[in-house]
Each structure stands twice: as structure tokens, then as C-alpha cells.
Amino acid sequence: MAPVQIGRIIVLVGLLVTMVGLLVWSGALNWFGRLPGDIRIQKPGYRVYVPWVSLVIVSTLFNLVIWLGRRFLR
């Protein structure tokens, strides 16, 4: 892989992380982790939280970004 391509990948990943950080900071992702299908059990003395649906969404988005990167950065 050429250094120019590696540089592009690093810049794109940095922009993506910055965009997600701005969304979290602004509160636009408050719904994330509270989706139907996310398991939350709260009882006195302990809490169990399993974000199944949220993890599926993250995985899908991550795979989409990887696929787009491979398709357009060749």
C-alpha cells in the first residue's frame, strides 16, 4: 500500500471519529443504548446491561465503512 493511500485512510478515520465524537458531545446519540431489544436488568445491588441491538447497529455501520473504504480507496 502506498504512503498516500495510508495517509488518506488515516485522515478518513480521523474525520469519522471526530464526527461521532461531536454527535456524542451534542447529545444527538442519547437514544443509543436504549433501543428495543437492548436488555437492561436493574435490581437492588446490581445492574446488568446487554446492548444487543445497539451492537448490531455498530457492527453494520462499521462493516459498511470498511466496504466503502475498500471500494473507493483502491
Protein backbone atom coordinates (compact mmCIF):
# COMPACT_ATOMS: atom_id res chain seq x y z
CA MET A 1 0.00 0.00 0.00
CA ALA A 2 1.38 3.38 -0.97
CA PRO A 3 2.03 6.02 1.71
CA VAL A 4 -0.50 8.32 0.02
CA GLN A 5 -3.25 5.72 0.47
CA ILE A 6 -2.32 5.13 4.09
CA GLY A 7 -2.49 8.88 4.67
CA ARG A 8 -5.97 9.06 3.15
CA ILE A 9 -7.16 6.20 5.32
CA ILE A 10 -5.80 7.85 8.47
CA VAL A 11 -7.47 11.17 7.58
CA LEU A 12 -10.81 9.48 6.85
CA VAL A 13 -10.74 7.50 10.09
CA GLY A 14 -9.89 10.70 11.98
CA LEU A 15 -12.80 12.55 10.37
CA LEU A 16 -15.16 9.69 11.21
CA VAL A 17 -14.04 9.61 14.85
CA THR A 18 -14.41 13.40 15.05
CA MET A 19 -17.95 13.26 13.63
CA VAL A 20 -19.02 10.55 16.09
CA GLY A 21 -17.42 12.49 18.94
CA LEU A 22 -19.32 15.64 18.00
CA LEU A 23 -22.59 13.69 17.87
CA VAL A 24 -21.97 12.21 21.33
CA TRP A 25 -20.92 15.58 22.73
CA SER A 26 -24.01 17.35 21.36
CA GLY A 27 -26.33 14.72 22.82
CA ALA A 28 -27.62 13.57 19.43
CA LEU A 29 -26.88 9.95 20.35
CA ASN A 30 -28.75 9.86 23.67
CA TRP A 31 -31.13 7.26 22.22
CA PHE A 32 -28.23 4.90 21.53
CA GLY A 33 -28.15 2.05 24.03
CA ARG A 34 -31.84 2.39 24.84
CA LEU A 35 -33.22 0.69 21.77
CA PRO A 36 -35.90 -2.00 21.83
CA GLY A 37 -34.02 -5.28 22.14
CA ASP A 38 -31.31 -3.93 24.43
CA ILE A 39 -31.51 -5.89 27.67
CA ARG A 40 -31.43 -3.91 30.91
CA ILE A 41 -31.99 -5.53 34.30
CA GLN A 42 -31.85 -3.30 37.37
CA LYS A 43 -32.32 -4.69 40.85
CA PRO A 44 -31.10 -3.53 44.23
CA GLY A 45 -27.40 -4.23 44.44
CA TYR A 46 -26.64 -4.91 40.77
CA ARG A 47 -27.31 -3.91 37.19
CA VAL A 48 -26.99 -5.97 34.02
CA TYR A 49 -26.95 -4.26 30.65
CA VAL A 50 -26.58 -6.07 27.30
CA PRO A 51 -26.95 -3.73 24.30
CA TRP A 52 -27.71 -6.37 21.62
CA VAL A 53 -29.49 -4.16 19.10
CA SER A 54 -27.05 -1.29 19.57
CA LEU A 55 -24.12 -3.64 18.92
CA VAL A 56 -25.78 -4.92 15.73
CA ILE A 57 -26.14 -1.33 14.51
CA VAL A 58 -22.49 -0.53 15.33
CA SER A 59 -21.34 -3.70 13.57
CA THR A 60 -23.42 -2.94 10.49
CA LEU A 61 -22.12 0.63 10.27
CA PHE A 62 -18.54 -0.50 10.80
CA ASN A 63 -18.84 -3.10 8.03
CA LEU A 64 -20.40 -0.51 5.72
CA VAL A 65 -17.49 1.89 6.33
CA ILE A 66 -14.96 -0.90 5.69
CA TRP A 67 -16.77 -1.94 2.50
CA LEU A 68 -16.94 1.65 1.23
CA GLY A 69 -13.28 2.16 2.07
CA ARG A 70 -12.24 -0.92 0.15
CA ARG A 71 -14.44 0.02 -2.79
CA PHE A 72 -13.37 3.63 -3.18
CA LEU A 73 -9.76 3.59 -1.93
CA ARG A 74 -8.39 1.09 -4.44
